[in-house]
Protein backbone atom coordinates (compact mmCIF):
# COMPACT_ATOMS: atom_id res chain seq x y z
CA MET A 1 -43.71 86.25 77.47
CA SER A 2 -42.61 89.37 75.61
CA ASP A 3 -42.45 88.65 71.87
CA THR A 4 -40.32 91.59 70.85
CA ALA A 5 -36.60 91.14 70.30
CA THR A 6 -36.03 94.68 71.57
CA ALA A 7 -37.63 94.12 74.98
CA PRO A 8 -35.28 95.13 77.79
CA LEU A 9 -33.26 92.24 79.15
CA ALA A 10 -34.72 92.89 82.60
CA GLN A 11 -38.20 92.38 81.17
CA ARG A 12 -37.20 89.18 79.40
CA LEU A 13 -35.78 87.86 82.66
CA ALA A 14 -39.05 88.63 84.42
CA ASP A 15 -41.02 86.97 81.63
CA ALA A 16 -38.86 83.85 82.06
CA GLY A 17 -39.61 83.79 85.78
CA ALA A 18 -36.03 84.71 86.69
CA ASP A 19 -35.79 86.79 89.87
CA ALA A 20 -33.20 89.49 89.21
CA SER A 21 -33.72 91.38 92.46
CA GLY A 22 -30.41 90.11 93.82
CA PRO A 23 -29.14 87.18 95.85
CA ALA A 24 -30.23 86.36 99.38
CA GLU A 25 -27.52 85.39 101.84
CA PRO A 26 -26.97 81.62 101.71
CA ARG A 27 -27.61 79.49 104.77
CA HIS A 28 -25.79 76.31 105.79
CA PRO A 29 -25.19 74.81 109.23
CA ASP A 30 -21.47 74.25 108.58
CA ILE A 31 -20.92 77.88 107.54
CA ALA A 32 -20.65 80.54 110.20
CA ARG A 33 -20.59 83.49 107.84
CA TRP A 34 -21.02 84.38 104.19
CA ARG A 35 -19.48 87.64 102.98
CA GLY A 36 -17.94 89.46 100.05
CA ALA A 37 -14.21 89.40 99.35
CA THR A 38 -11.41 91.94 99.75
CA ARG A 39 -7.75 91.94 98.78
CA ASP A 40 -6.97 90.48 102.18
CA ASP A 41 -8.76 87.30 101.03
CA ILE A 42 -6.61 86.63 97.95
CA ASP A 43 -4.47 83.95 99.61
CA ALA A 44 -7.47 82.23 101.18
CA MET A 45 -9.34 82.22 97.86
CA HIS A 46 -6.31 80.86 96.06
CA ALA A 47 -5.92 78.11 98.65
CA VAL A 48 -9.48 76.93 97.93
CA PHE A 49 -8.93 77.01 94.17
CA ALA A 50 -5.56 75.25 94.37
CA ALA A 51 -7.03 72.44 96.47
CA ALA A 52 -9.99 72.11 94.11
CA ASP A 53 -7.68 72.07 91.06
CA GLN A 54 -6.04 68.87 92.29
CA VAL A 55 -9.40 67.11 92.09
CA ASP A 56 -11.20 68.86 89.23
CA HIS A 57 -8.38 69.22 86.68
CA PRO A 58 -5.13 67.80 88.09
CA THR A 59 -2.90 68.71 85.13
CA TRP A 60 -3.00 72.48 85.73
CA VAL A 61 -3.32 74.88 88.64
CA THR A 62 -4.78 78.34 89.14
CA PRO A 63 -1.97 80.87 89.68
CA ARG A 64 -2.28 83.18 92.66
CA GLU A 65 -1.60 86.06 90.26
CA GLU A 66 -4.76 85.18 88.34
CA VAL A 67 -6.85 85.63 91.46
CA GLU A 68 -5.08 88.85 92.39
CA ASP A 69 -5.51 90.31 88.91
CA THR A 70 -9.29 90.21 89.18
CA PHE A 71 -9.11 92.72 92.05
CA ASP A 72 -7.61 95.27 89.65
CA LEU A 73 -10.33 94.96 86.99
CA PRO A 74 -12.61 98.02 86.92
CA ASP A 75 -15.65 95.92 86.02
CA VAL A 76 -15.35 93.52 88.99
CA ASP A 77 -16.36 94.50 92.52
CA HIS A 78 -15.56 91.55 94.76
CA ALA A 79 -17.49 93.10 97.64
CA VAL A 80 -20.74 92.41 95.76
CA ASP A 81 -19.71 90.06 92.91
CA THR A 82 -17.98 87.45 95.12
CA ILE A 83 -19.10 85.48 98.13
CA LEU A 84 -16.94 83.55 100.57
CA ALA A 85 -18.08 80.72 102.84
CA ILE A 86 -16.38 81.00 106.24
CA ALA A 87 -16.38 77.93 108.51
CA HIS A 88 -16.83 78.20 112.27
CA ASP A 89 -13.05 78.09 112.76
CA GLY A 90 -12.63 81.11 110.45
CA THR A 91 -11.36 79.14 107.44
CA VAL A 92 -12.51 80.10 103.94
CA VAL A 93 -13.89 76.84 102.54
CA ALA A 94 -15.60 78.04 99.36
CA ALA A 95 -15.48 81.04 97.06
CA GLY A 96 -17.57 82.03 94.06
CA THR A 97 -17.80 85.00 91.74
CA ALA A 98 -20.34 86.19 89.17
CA MET A 99 -18.22 88.10 86.68
CA ARG A 100 -19.93 90.12 83.96
CA HIS A 101 -17.89 90.51 80.80
CA PRO A 102 -17.08 94.19 80.20
CA ASP A 103 -17.97 94.08 76.49
CA THR A 104 -21.70 94.42 75.85
CA THR A 105 -21.70 95.24 72.15
CA THR A 106 -23.34 91.98 71.04
CA ARG A 107 -24.61 90.36 74.26
CA VAL A 108 -24.49 90.67 78.03
CA LYS A 109 -22.65 87.73 79.53
CA SER A 110 -21.86 86.73 83.09
CA TYR A 111 -19.56 83.88 84.08
CA LEU A 112 -19.86 81.89 87.28
CA GLN A 113 -16.43 80.96 88.64
CA GLY A 114 -15.75 79.32 91.97
CA ALA A 115 -15.03 76.20 93.98
CA VAL A 116 -15.62 74.40 97.25
CA HIS A 117 -12.60 72.95 99.02
CA PRO A 118 -12.64 69.18 98.37
CA THR A 119 -12.77 68.30 102.07
CA TRP A 120 -15.97 70.35 102.40
CA ARG A 121 -17.86 68.89 99.46
CA ARG A 122 -20.99 66.72 99.43
CA ARG A 123 -22.58 68.81 102.18
CA GLY A 124 -24.69 71.18 100.05
CA ILE A 125 -22.30 74.13 100.32
CA GLY A 126 -21.72 74.13 96.57
CA ALA A 127 -25.45 74.33 95.88
CA GLU A 128 -25.77 77.38 98.14
CA LEU A 129 -22.71 78.95 96.53
CA MET A 130 -23.88 78.49 92.94
CA ARG A 131 -27.42 79.66 93.69
CA TRP A 132 -25.96 82.87 95.08
CA GLN A 133 -23.71 83.31 92.04
CA TYR A 134 -26.58 82.66 89.66
CA SER A 135 -28.81 85.21 91.41
CA ARG A 136 -26.04 87.78 91.30
CA ALA A 137 -25.51 87.10 87.58
CA LEU A 138 -29.23 87.64 86.92
CA GLN A 139 -28.97 90.94 88.76
CA GLN A 140 -25.96 91.91 86.62
CA LEU A 141 -27.84 91.13 83.42
CA ALA A 142 -30.89 93.11 84.47
CA ALA A 143 -28.82 96.08 85.63
CA SER A 144 -27.19 96.39 82.20
CA GLY A 145 -30.31 98.08 80.82
CA SER A 146 -29.58 96.32 77.55
CA THR A 147 -31.97 94.93 74.96
CA LEU A 148 -29.32 92.49 73.70
CA PRO A 149 -29.32 88.76 74.47
CA GLY A 150 -28.29 87.80 78.00
CA GLU A 151 -26.25 84.76 78.92
CA ILE A 152 -24.90 82.99 82.01
CA ASP A 153 -21.98 80.55 81.57
CA VAL A 154 -20.35 77.92 83.76
CA TYR A 155 -17.30 75.89 82.71
CA ALA A 156 -16.76 72.44 84.22
CA SER A 157 -14.06 69.84 83.69
CA ASP A 158 -15.21 66.47 82.40
CA GLY A 159 -15.80 64.34 85.48
CA ASN A 160 -16.79 67.25 87.72
CA ASP A 161 -20.31 65.87 87.85
CA GLY A 162 -21.22 67.84 90.95
CA ALA A 163 -20.73 71.20 89.25
CA VAL A 164 -22.66 69.99 86.21
CA ARG A 165 -25.64 68.86 88.30
CA LEU A 166 -25.73 72.17 90.17
CA ALA A 167 -25.63 74.18 86.94
CA GLU A 168 -28.29 72.05 85.30
CA ALA A 169 -30.55 72.51 88.32
CA LEU A 170 -30.43 76.24 87.59
CA GLY A 171 -31.43 75.74 83.97
CA LEU A 172 -28.01 75.76 82.29
CA ARG A 173 -27.33 73.17 79.59
CA THR A 174 -24.14 71.91 77.97
CA ALA A 175 -23.61 73.98 74.84
CA ARG A 176 -20.00 73.25 73.87
CA TRP A 177 -17.05 70.98 74.57
CA PHE A 178 -13.39 71.96 74.67
CA THR A 179 -10.48 69.52 74.45
CA SER A 180 -7.06 69.85 76.06
CA MET A 181 -4.25 68.66 73.81
CA VAL A 182 -0.60 67.90 74.60
CA ARG A 183 2.39 67.62 72.28
CA ASP A 184 5.74 65.95 72.90
CA ASN A 185 8.32 68.51 71.81
CA SER A 186 10.97 65.83 71.30
CA VAL A 187 9.19 65.14 68.01
CA ALA A 188 10.57 67.45 65.32
CA VAL A 189 8.22 69.99 63.78
CA ALA A 190 7.81 69.57 60.04
CA GLU A 191 9.45 72.27 57.95
CA LEU A 192 7.01 74.54 56.13
CA ALA A 193 7.89 76.74 53.17
CA ASP A 194 8.01 80.48 53.80
CA LEU A 195 4.97 82.48 52.71
CA PRO A 196 5.68 85.42 50.38
CA GLY A 197 5.38 88.76 52.17
CA ILE A 198 5.07 87.20 55.63
CA THR A 199 7.63 87.62 58.41
CA LEU A 200 7.50 85.63 61.65
CA VAL A 201 8.79 87.48 64.71
CA PRO A 202 8.59 87.05 68.52
CA TYR A 203 5.90 88.99 70.35
CA SER A 204 7.05 92.36 71.72
CA ALA A 205 5.34 94.67 74.20
CA ASP A 206 5.24 97.58 71.76
CA ARG A 207 2.76 95.58 69.64
CA ALA A 208 0.35 94.96 72.54
CA GLU A 209 -2.54 97.02 71.19
CA ASP A 210 -2.02 95.77 67.63
CA ALA A 211 -2.09 92.21 68.96
CA ARG A 212 -5.32 92.92 70.88
CA GLN A 213 -6.98 94.23 67.73
CA ALA A 214 -5.79 91.19 65.78
CA ARG A 215 -7.10 88.89 68.52
CA ASN A 216 -10.51 90.55 68.54
CA ASP A 217 -10.79 90.30 64.76
CA ALA A 218 -9.64 86.69 64.65
CA PHE A 219 -12.11 85.57 67.34
CA ARG A 220 -15.17 87.51 66.21
CA ASP A 221 -16.88 84.38 64.89
CA HIS A 222 -15.64 81.96 67.56
CA TRP A 223 -18.26 80.50 69.85
CA GLY A 224 -18.57 82.29 73.17
CA SER A 225 -15.88 84.86 72.38
CA LEU A 226 -16.32 88.55 73.12
CA PRO A 227 -13.79 91.32 72.42
CA SER A 228 -10.93 91.60 74.90
CA SER A 229 -10.85 94.97 76.67
CA PRO A 230 -7.60 96.95 77.03
CA ASP A 231 -7.57 96.36 80.80
CA ARG A 232 -7.97 92.61 80.58
CA TRP A 233 -5.61 92.33 77.63
CA GLN A 234 -2.87 94.16 79.47
CA LYS A 235 -3.30 91.84 82.45
CA PHE A 236 -2.58 88.98 80.08
CA VAL A 237 0.24 90.28 77.87
CA GLY A 238 1.83 92.33 80.67
CA GLY A 239 1.54 89.60 83.27
CA PRO A 240 4.24 87.34 84.68
CA PHE A 241 3.44 84.24 82.60
CA LEU A 242 3.44 85.34 78.95
CA ARG A 243 6.70 84.38 77.22
CA PRO A 244 7.41 86.81 74.36
CA ASP A 245 10.32 84.65 73.19
CA LEU A 246 8.00 81.66 72.73
CA SER A 247 5.16 83.70 71.24
CA THR A 248 4.94 84.41 67.53
CA LEU A 249 3.50 87.19 65.39
CA ALA A 250 3.05 86.93 61.63
CA LEU A 251 3.49 90.32 59.95
CA ASP A 252 2.50 91.19 56.40
CA ALA A 253 4.55 93.45 54.13
CA ASP A 254 3.03 96.53 55.80
CA GLY A 255 3.85 95.30 59.30
CA ARG A 256 0.26 94.44 60.18
CA ILE A 257 -0.25 91.50 62.53
CA VAL A 258 -2.15 88.94 60.48
CA ALA A 259 -1.67 85.89 62.73
CA PHE A 260 -0.40 85.12 66.21
CA CYS A 261 0.47 82.33 68.61
CA LEU A 262 0.85 83.53 72.21
CA ALA A 263 2.33 81.18 74.80
CA SER A 264 2.94 81.32 78.54
CA VAL A 265 4.83 79.37 81.18
CA ASN A 266 3.57 78.65 84.68
CA GLU A 267 6.15 76.48 86.42
CA ASP A 268 3.56 75.28 88.94
CA ASP A 269 2.00 73.33 86.06
CA TRP A 270 5.25 71.42 85.53
CA VAL A 271 4.66 69.39 88.68
CA THR A 272 1.00 68.64 87.92
CA LEU A 273 1.66 67.67 84.30
CA GLY A 274 4.86 65.84 85.17
CA ALA A 275 6.99 67.65 82.58
CA THR A 276 8.30 71.09 81.74
CA ASN A 277 5.79 72.71 79.44
CA SER A 278 4.38 75.85 77.92
CA TYR A 279 0.70 76.59 77.46
CA ILE A 280 -0.45 78.10 74.18
CA ASP A 281 -3.07 80.63 75.23
CA LEU A 282 -4.16 82.00 71.88
CA ILE A 283 -3.80 81.08 68.22
CA GLY A 284 -5.54 83.17 65.61
CA VAL A 285 -5.57 84.50 62.07
CA VAL A 286 -7.32 87.74 61.12
CA ARG A 287 -10.37 86.97 59.07
CA ASP A 288 -9.23 88.40 55.74
CA ARG A 289 -6.10 86.21 55.79
CA ARG A 290 -7.58 82.84 56.66
CA GLY A 291 -6.92 79.81 54.50
CA GLN A 292 -3.40 80.91 53.55
CA GLY A 293 -1.42 78.62 55.84
CA LEU A 294 -0.59 81.21 58.49
CA ALA A 295 -1.81 79.26 61.52
CA PRO A 296 0.47 76.22 61.13
CA ARG A 297 3.45 78.50 60.60
CA VAL A 298 2.99 80.62 63.71
CA VAL A 299 2.38 77.49 65.79
CA ALA A 300 5.41 75.73 64.28
CA ARG A 301 7.67 78.68 65.07
CA THR A 302 6.41 78.70 68.67
CA LEU A 303 6.92 74.94 69.04
CA ARG A 304 10.52 75.24 67.85
CA ALA A 305 11.10 78.07 70.32
CA MET A 306 9.76 75.85 73.11
CA THR A 307 12.11 73.05 72.10
CA ASP A 308 15.04 75.46 72.00
CA ALA A 309 14.08 76.63 75.50
CA GLY A 310 14.20 73.04 76.75
CA LEU A 311 10.45 72.69 77.36
CA ALA A 312 9.34 69.08 76.97
CA LYS A 313 5.64 69.57 76.26
CA ALA A 314 3.24 72.00 74.61
CA VAL A 315 -0.35 72.27 75.86
CA LEU A 316 -3.42 73.98 74.42
CA ASP A 317 -7.21 73.88 74.52
CA VAL A 318 -9.46 73.85 71.48
CA ASP A 319 -13.16 74.17 70.76
CA THR A 320 -14.26 70.78 69.44
CA GLU A 321 -16.48 72.55 66.88
CA SER A 322 -13.99 75.25 65.90
CA PRO A 323 -15.12 77.07 62.72
CA THR A 324 -11.51 77.11 61.47
CA GLY A 325 -10.90 73.36 61.77
CA ALA A 326 -8.31 73.92 64.49
CA ASN A 327 -8.63 70.37 65.84
CA THR A 328 -7.34 68.86 62.62
CA LEU A 329 -4.51 71.39 62.39
CA TYR A 330 -3.26 70.60 65.89
CA GLU A 331 -3.44 66.86 65.29
CA ARG A 332 -1.29 67.30 62.19
CA LEU A 333 1.22 69.20 64.31
CA GLY A 334 1.45 66.28 66.74
CA PHE A 335 -0.97 67.28 69.50
CA ILE A 336 -2.92 64.49 71.21
CA ALA A 337 -6.26 65.00 72.97
CA THR A 338 -6.22 64.37 76.72
CA GLU A 339 -8.96 66.00 78.84
CA ARG A 340 -12.27 67.74 78.12
CA ASP A 341 -14.19 70.68 79.57
CA ARG A 342 -17.76 71.67 78.93
CA ALA A 343 -19.47 75.03 78.76
CA LEU A 344 -22.94 75.11 80.33
CA VAL A 345 -25.10 78.04 79.25
CA ARG A 346 -28.46 79.62 79.88
CA GLU A 347 -29.64 82.32 77.50
CA PHE A 348 -32.33 84.95 77.95
């Protein structure tokens, strides 16, 4: 095996015995055809994901808009990065994508995302699907021409043992756990004293780029995080789910964003969770302002805004080994752990 840290990633893959020549077409007797995806497949893909959501993580659902948005990303080509499994009656019964993160400044990372419709599971279709995705991800890593570390990630909800077994068979191992937490907004949020020189304001679209820069700074040392690109950031902050009125920015005396709490509302989740709710997508403090009490204040302002909007619950996800001690903060604010997800990783 090459012993130099500057060896091309393609060479390191070869040394590890990883075939990066590209995926072969899967074969399965229940599948009439395997092919890439187009915009015409958005509804069919979403139908597979929505059905899988009910089994794999029944408290939240994948929005159709989230699937559609990926077709607008310049770094994703669904014709070659996605594969669909088409049954003999023409129904799409499985879909999977290998999605390389656009930022390659510190590492080259590809995510495997996909699902098999629950009524088509336990037949070996998922194994064929994930093998294809994994092979495509290897090809993406090799094609980068980079000498940086390479990584393939799969996220699986706790209890989705099938996905875990398939990922482990490909050499991925559980590297991190994430916990979902829920808060009852009928419980009053404790009052916190104002911080000198800090103003809390709702998010506004004119601060989109400033917020992206703050997010990238705040998450630089978080496990698995890479900088958010302008394209992907705009999909998030300019999308249909972000709620500026519920989201909070902390500004210093110069107007710089030094902390943020960005929240969204997807009403489809209200049925699955059994209560009106808002999901807190991102909470962060820029690194030179940590330890000053900014995080609890931006979260508290957002929680009060949720209560004022009549939303019964607040939901978030947190890294169980967060370097900022976020778990403890959220527990103090009244959040209770519910479900877990794991990140399975293979590095090269």
